[in-house]
Amino acid sequence: MSNFNGQGPARVGAYHGISPVGAYDMAGNVKEWCWNSVGDKRYILGGAWNEPTYMFTDADAQSAFDRSPTFGFRLLKNTGAVPDAALAAITWPYRDLNKEKPVADSVFEAFKRMYAYDKGPLDAKTVRLHSAIGADPALRFTGELRIAPSTGTACRPKYY
């Protein structure tokens, strides 16, 4: 419903993605400059048409002199006074990981097991594929993928 994975910017209203507050075209298409600064840079948010979808929520700050073809702006008309907090610089939280204390070995082993996997061949096969014509390109195909672990155990279905 937004212009991610597109071929270029789309005209306003071409996609029907709407934000919780009723604004259209906030995700994908072009990133939009914000008033707020961080250091000597300005925030530019929303994710562009040629970026991965997670960039929609990724805080990005660039030089105000950067004129990338994926950068744009949105005009608005204030109907009242703008709160000072809306125009204030944003202090990005910083966490110095060098000061963090390591977890106990038993806790680390529990986390490590979460990422354990069978390193043999997957022997993956698509057994079903569904097409949704006209759907968002990121969601156009859904189906079932069966993965046969090299251990010879039964196939595990994975849906996408």
C-alpha atoms as a PDB file:
ATOM      1  CA  MET A   1       0.000   0.000   0.000  1.00  0.00           C
ATOM      2  CA  SER A   2       3.086   2.235  -0.163  1.00  0.00           C
ATOM      3  CA  ASN A   3       5.704   2.860  -2.833  1.00  0.00           C
ATOM      4  CA  PHE A   4       8.475   0.609  -1.528  1.00  0.00           C
ATOM      5  CA  ASN A   5      10.342  -1.418  -4.176  1.00  0.00           C
ATOM      6  CA  GLY A   6       8.994   0.929  -6.848  1.00  0.00           C
ATOM      7  CA  GLN A   7      10.654   2.208  -9.997  1.00  0.00           C
ATOM      8  CA  GLY A   8      10.743   5.834  -8.868  1.00  0.00           C
ATOM      9  CA  PRO A   9       8.650   8.452  -7.085  1.00  0.00           C
ATOM     10  CA  ALA A  10       4.889   8.181  -7.557  1.00  0.00           C
ATOM     11  CA  ARG A  11       2.374  11.010  -7.689  1.00  0.00           C
ATOM     12  CA  VAL A  12       0.634  11.922  -4.445  1.00  0.00           C
ATOM     13  CA  GLY A  13      -2.291   9.631  -3.733  1.00  0.00           C
ATOM     14  CA  ALA A  14      -1.184   6.865  -6.126  1.00  0.00           C
ATOM     15  CA  TYR A  15      -0.922   4.472  -3.172  1.00  0.00           C
ATOM     16  CA  HIS A  16      -3.495   4.080  -0.439  1.00  0.00           C
ATOM     17  CA  GLY A  17      -1.229   3.660   2.592  1.00  0.00           C
ATOM     18  CA  ILE A  18      -2.557   5.881   5.385  1.00  0.00           C
ATOM     19  CA  SER A  19      -0.989   6.737   8.721  1.00  0.00           C
ATOM     20  CA  PRO A  20      -2.800   6.439  12.066  1.00  0.00           C
ATOM     21  CA  VAL A  21      -3.451  10.205  11.960  1.00  0.00           C
ATOM     22  CA  GLY A  22      -4.855  10.214   8.421  1.00  0.00           C
ATOM     23  CA  ALA A  23      -1.815  11.327   6.387  1.00  0.00           C
ATOM     24  CA  TYR A  24      -1.168   9.649   3.033  1.00  0.00           C
ATOM     25  CA  ASP A  25       2.120   8.767   1.356  1.00  0.00           C
ATOM     26  CA  MET A  26       4.238   8.848   4.511  1.00  0.00           C
ATOM     27  CA  ALA A  27       5.943   5.496   3.817  1.00  0.00           C
ATOM     28  CA  GLY A  28       7.961   4.870   0.681  1.00  0.00           C
ATOM     29  CA  ASN A  29       8.002   7.267  -2.268  1.00  0.00           C
ATOM     30  CA  VAL A  30      10.477   9.967  -1.126  1.00  0.00           C
ATOM     31  CA  LYS A  31      11.912  10.619   2.315  1.00  0.00           C
ATOM     32  CA  GLU A  32      10.707  13.866   3.817  1.00  0.00           C
ATOM     33  CA  TRP A  33      12.827  16.515   5.470  1.00  0.00           C
ATOM     34  CA  CYS A  34      11.900  17.379   9.055  1.00  0.00           C
ATOM     35  CA  TRP A  35      12.553  20.583  10.966  1.00  0.00           C
ATOM     36  CA  ASN A  36      14.244  18.718  13.808  1.00  0.00           C
ATOM     37  CA  SER A  37      18.019  18.504  13.870  1.00  0.00           C
ATOM     38  CA  VAL A  38      20.536  16.205  15.462  1.00  0.00           C
ATOM     39  CA  GLY A  39      23.960  17.802  15.671  1.00  0.00           C
ATOM     40  CA  ASP A  40      24.649  19.512  12.332  1.00  0.00           C
ATOM     41  CA  LYS A  41      22.210  17.276  10.417  1.00  0.00           C
ATOM     42  CA  ARG A  42      18.439  17.266   9.879  1.00  0.00           C
ATOM     43  CA  TYR A  43      16.119  14.324  10.137  1.00  0.00           C
ATOM     44  CA  ILE A  44      14.731  12.911   6.908  1.00  0.00           C
ATOM     45  CA  LEU A  45      12.104  10.252   7.503  1.00  0.00           C
ATOM     46  CA  GLY A  46       9.666   7.913   5.803  1.00  0.00           C
ATOM     47  CA  GLY A  47      11.829   5.623   3.691  1.00  0.00           C
ATOM     48  CA  ALA A  48      12.281   6.120  -0.055  1.00  0.00           C
ATOM     49  CA  TRP A  49      10.910   4.057  -2.937  1.00  0.00           C
ATOM     50  CA  ASN A  50      14.269   2.292  -3.421  1.00  0.00           C
ATOM     51  CA  GLU A  51      14.918   1.424   0.238  1.00  0.00           C
ATOM     52  CA  PRO A  52      13.883  -1.592   2.306  1.00  0.00           C
ATOM     53  CA  THR A  53      10.554  -1.186   4.127  1.00  0.00           C
ATOM     54  CA  TYR A  54      12.185  -1.059   7.568  1.00  0.00           C
ATOM     55  CA  MET A  55      13.587   2.362   6.652  1.00  0.00           C
ATOM     56  CA  PHE A  56      10.092   3.781   7.193  1.00  0.00           C
ATOM     57  CA  THR A  57      10.682   3.640  10.938  1.00  0.00           C
ATOM     58  CA  ASP A  58      14.461   4.146  10.872  1.00  0.00           C
ATOM     59  CA  ALA A  59      15.571   7.564  12.110  1.00  0.00           C
ATOM     60  CA  ASP A  60      17.845   8.965   9.411  1.00  0.00           C
ATOM     61  CA  ALA A  61      19.713  12.265   9.602  1.00  0.00           C
ATOM     62  CA  GLN A  62      21.545  13.816   6.653  1.00  0.00           C
ATOM     63  CA  SER A  63      23.293  17.033   5.776  1.00  0.00           C
ATOM     64  CA  ALA A  64      20.713  19.716   5.000  1.00  0.00           C
ATOM     65  CA  PHE A  65      22.701  20.376   1.799  1.00  0.00           C
ATOM     66  CA  ASP A  66      22.216  16.825   0.471  1.00  0.00           C
ATOM     67  CA  ARG A  67      19.917  16.817  -2.564  1.00  0.00           C
ATOM     68  CA  SER A  68      19.468  13.115  -3.225  1.00  0.00           C
ATOM     69  CA  PRO A  69      16.723  12.321  -5.769  1.00  0.00           C
ATOM     70  CA  THR A  70      14.980  10.233  -3.088  1.00  0.00           C
ATOM     71  CA  PHE A  71      14.661  13.216  -0.725  1.00  0.00           C
ATOM     72  CA  GLY A  72      11.573  15.409  -0.789  1.00  0.00           C
ATOM     73  CA  PHE A  73       9.401  17.540   1.471  1.00  0.00           C
ATOM     74  CA  ARG A  74       5.787  17.918   2.564  1.00  0.00           C
ATOM     75  CA  LEU A  75       4.025  21.238   2.915  1.00  0.00           C
ATOM     76  CA  LEU A  76       1.575  21.874   5.706  1.00  0.00           C
ATOM     77  CA  LYS A  77      -0.490  24.708   6.999  1.00  0.00           C
ATOM     78  CA  ASN A  78      -0.462  25.186  10.744  1.00  0.00           C
ATOM     79  CA  THR A  79      -3.901  25.883  12.172  1.00  0.00           C
ATOM     80  CA  GLY A  80      -2.500  27.105  15.456  1.00  0.00           C
ATOM     81  CA  ALA A  81       0.691  27.709  17.368  1.00  0.00           C
ATOM     82  CA  VAL A  82       3.335  25.022  16.915  1.00  0.00           C
ATOM     83  CA  PRO A  83       4.499  23.646  20.280  1.00  0.00           C
ATOM     84  CA  ASP A  84       8.174  24.344  21.013  1.00  0.00           C
ATOM     85  CA  ALA A  85       8.743  20.608  21.564  1.00  0.00           C
ATOM     86  CA  ALA A  86       7.741  19.887  17.944  1.00  0.00           C
ATOM     87  CA  LEU A  87      10.582  22.096  16.669  1.00  0.00           C
ATOM     88  CA  ALA A  88      13.225  21.180  19.248  1.00  0.00           C
ATOM     89  CA  ALA A  89      16.430  19.353  18.420  1.00  0.00           C
ATOM     90  CA  ILE A  90      16.233  15.648  19.152  1.00  0.00           C
ATOM     91  CA  THR A  91      18.778  14.066  21.437  1.00  0.00           C
ATOM     92  CA  TRP A  92      19.406  10.542  20.239  1.00  0.00           C
ATOM     93  CA  PRO A  93      19.869   8.071  23.105  1.00  0.00           C
ATOM     94  CA  TYR A  94      23.367   6.674  23.321  1.00  0.00           C
ATOM     95  CA  ARG A  95      24.346   3.419  24.973  1.00  0.00           C
ATOM     96  CA  ASP A  96      28.037   2.705  25.483  1.00  0.00           C
ATOM     97  CA  LEU A  97      28.201  -1.053  24.998  1.00  0.00           C
ATOM     98  CA  ASN A  98      31.807  -1.082  26.191  1.00  0.00           C
ATOM     99  CA  LYS A  99      30.511  -0.340  29.683  1.00  0.00           C
ATOM    100  CA  GLU A 100      27.990  -3.192  29.706  1.00  0.00           C
ATOM    101  CA  LYS A 101      28.732  -6.203  31.893  1.00  0.00           C
ATOM    102  CA  PRO A 102      28.695  -9.597  30.169  1.00  0.00           C
ATOM    103  CA  VAL A 103      25.937 -12.027  31.081  1.00  0.00           C
ATOM    104  CA  ALA A 104      26.694 -15.225  32.959  1.00  0.00           C
ATOM    105  CA  ASP A 105      27.986 -18.141  30.858  1.00  0.00           C
ATOM    106  CA  SER A 106      24.738 -20.059  31.418  1.00  0.00           C
ATOM    107  CA  VAL A 107      22.682 -17.139  30.078  1.00  0.00           C
ATOM    108  CA  PHE A 108      25.001 -16.770  27.077  1.00  0.00           C
ATOM    109  CA  GLU A 109      24.653 -20.492  26.297  1.00  0.00           C
ATOM    110  CA  ALA A 110      20.857 -20.155  26.391  1.00  0.00           C
ATOM    111  CA  PHE A 111      21.013 -17.275  23.889  1.00  0.00           C
ATOM    112  CA  LYS A 112      23.507 -19.173  21.735  1.00  0.00           C
ATOM    113  CA  ARG A 113      21.148 -22.182  21.509  1.00  0.00           C
ATOM    114  CA  MET A 114      18.470 -19.894  20.084  1.00  0.00           C
ATOM    115  CA  TYR A 115      20.655 -19.468  16.982  1.00  0.00           C
ATOM    116  CA  ALA A 116      21.679 -23.112  16.568  1.00  0.00           C
ATOM    117  CA  TYR A 117      20.650 -24.744  13.303  1.00  0.00           C
ATOM    118  CA  ASP A 118      21.313 -27.792  11.199  1.00  0.00           C
ATOM    119  CA  LYS A 119      24.114 -26.761   8.836  1.00  0.00           C
ATOM    120  CA  GLY A 120      23.256 -29.430   6.244  1.00  0.00           C
ATOM    121  CA  PRO A 121      21.563 -28.781   2.894  1.00  0.00           C
ATOM    122  CA  LEU A 122      18.002 -27.467   3.094  1.00  0.00           C
ATOM    123  CA  ASP A 123      16.603 -29.319   0.064  1.00  0.00           C
ATOM    124  CA  ALA A 124      13.888 -26.663  -0.014  1.00  0.00           C
ATOM    125  CA  LYS A 125      10.965 -27.013  -2.424  1.00  0.00           C
ATOM    126  CA  THR A 126       8.028 -24.697  -3.039  1.00  0.00           C
ATOM    127  CA  VAL A 127       4.932 -26.902  -2.896  1.00  0.00           C
ATOM    128  CA  ARG A 128       2.250 -24.254  -3.192  1.00  0.00           C
ATOM    129  CA  LEU A 129       2.286 -20.716  -4.531  1.00  0.00           C
ATOM    130  CA  HIS A 130      -0.621 -18.289  -4.406  1.00  0.00           C
ATOM    131  CA  SER A 131      -0.746 -15.100  -6.445  1.00  0.00           C
ATOM    132  CA  ALA A 132      -2.668 -12.014  -5.390  1.00  0.00           C
ATOM    133  CA  ILE A 133      -2.831  -9.863  -8.521  1.00  0.00           C
ATOM    134  CA  GLY A 134      -2.905  -6.158  -7.754  1.00  0.00           C
ATOM    135  CA  ALA A 135      -1.604  -6.600  -4.221  1.00  0.00           C
ATOM    136  CA  ASP A 136       1.338  -4.730  -2.762  1.00  0.00           C
ATOM    137  CA  PRO A 137       4.451  -6.096  -4.587  1.00  0.00           C
ATOM    138  CA  ALA A 138       5.979  -7.086  -1.253  1.00  0.00           C
ATOM    139  CA  LEU A 139       2.923  -9.266  -0.549  1.00  0.00           C
ATOM    140  CA  ARG A 140       2.090 -10.395  -4.078  1.00  0.00           C
ATOM    141  CA  PHE A 141       2.989 -14.074  -3.622  1.00  0.00           C
ATOM    142  CA  THR A 142       2.303 -16.296  -0.667  1.00  0.00           C
ATOM    143  CA  GLY A 143       2.900 -19.997  -0.436  1.00  0.00           C
ATOM    144  CA  GLU A 144       4.310 -22.933   1.425  1.00  0.00           C
ATOM    145  CA  LEU A 145       7.956 -23.942   1.385  1.00  0.00           C
ATOM    146  CA  ARG A 146       8.996 -27.354   2.699  1.00  0.00           C
ATOM    147  CA  ILE A 147      12.457 -27.719   4.131  1.00  0.00           C
ATOM    148  CA  ALA A 148      13.918 -31.189   4.519  1.00  0.00           C
ATOM    149  CA  PRO A 149      16.717 -31.160   7.069  1.00  0.00           C
ATOM    150  CA  SER A 150      19.740 -33.267   6.204  1.00  0.00           C
ATOM    151  CA  THR A 151      19.050 -35.367   9.302  1.00  0.00           C
ATOM    152  CA  GLY A 152      16.322 -37.204   7.410  1.00  0.00           C
ATOM    153  CA  THR A 153      13.511 -36.034   9.674  1.00  0.00           C
ATOM    154  CA  ALA A 154      10.148 -34.943   8.291  1.00  0.00           C
ATOM    155  CA  CYS A 155       9.852 -31.750   6.276  1.00  0.00           C
ATOM    156  CA  ARG A 156       8.930 -28.608   8.149  1.00  0.00           C
ATOM    157  CA  PRO A 157       6.473 -26.294   6.358  1.00  0.00           C
ATOM    158  CA  LYS A 158       7.369 -22.633   6.243  1.00  0.00           C
ATOM    159  CA  TYR A 159       4.760 -20.128   5.097  1.00  0.00           C
ATOM    160  CA  TYR A 160       5.643 -16.900   3.380  1.00  0.00           C
END
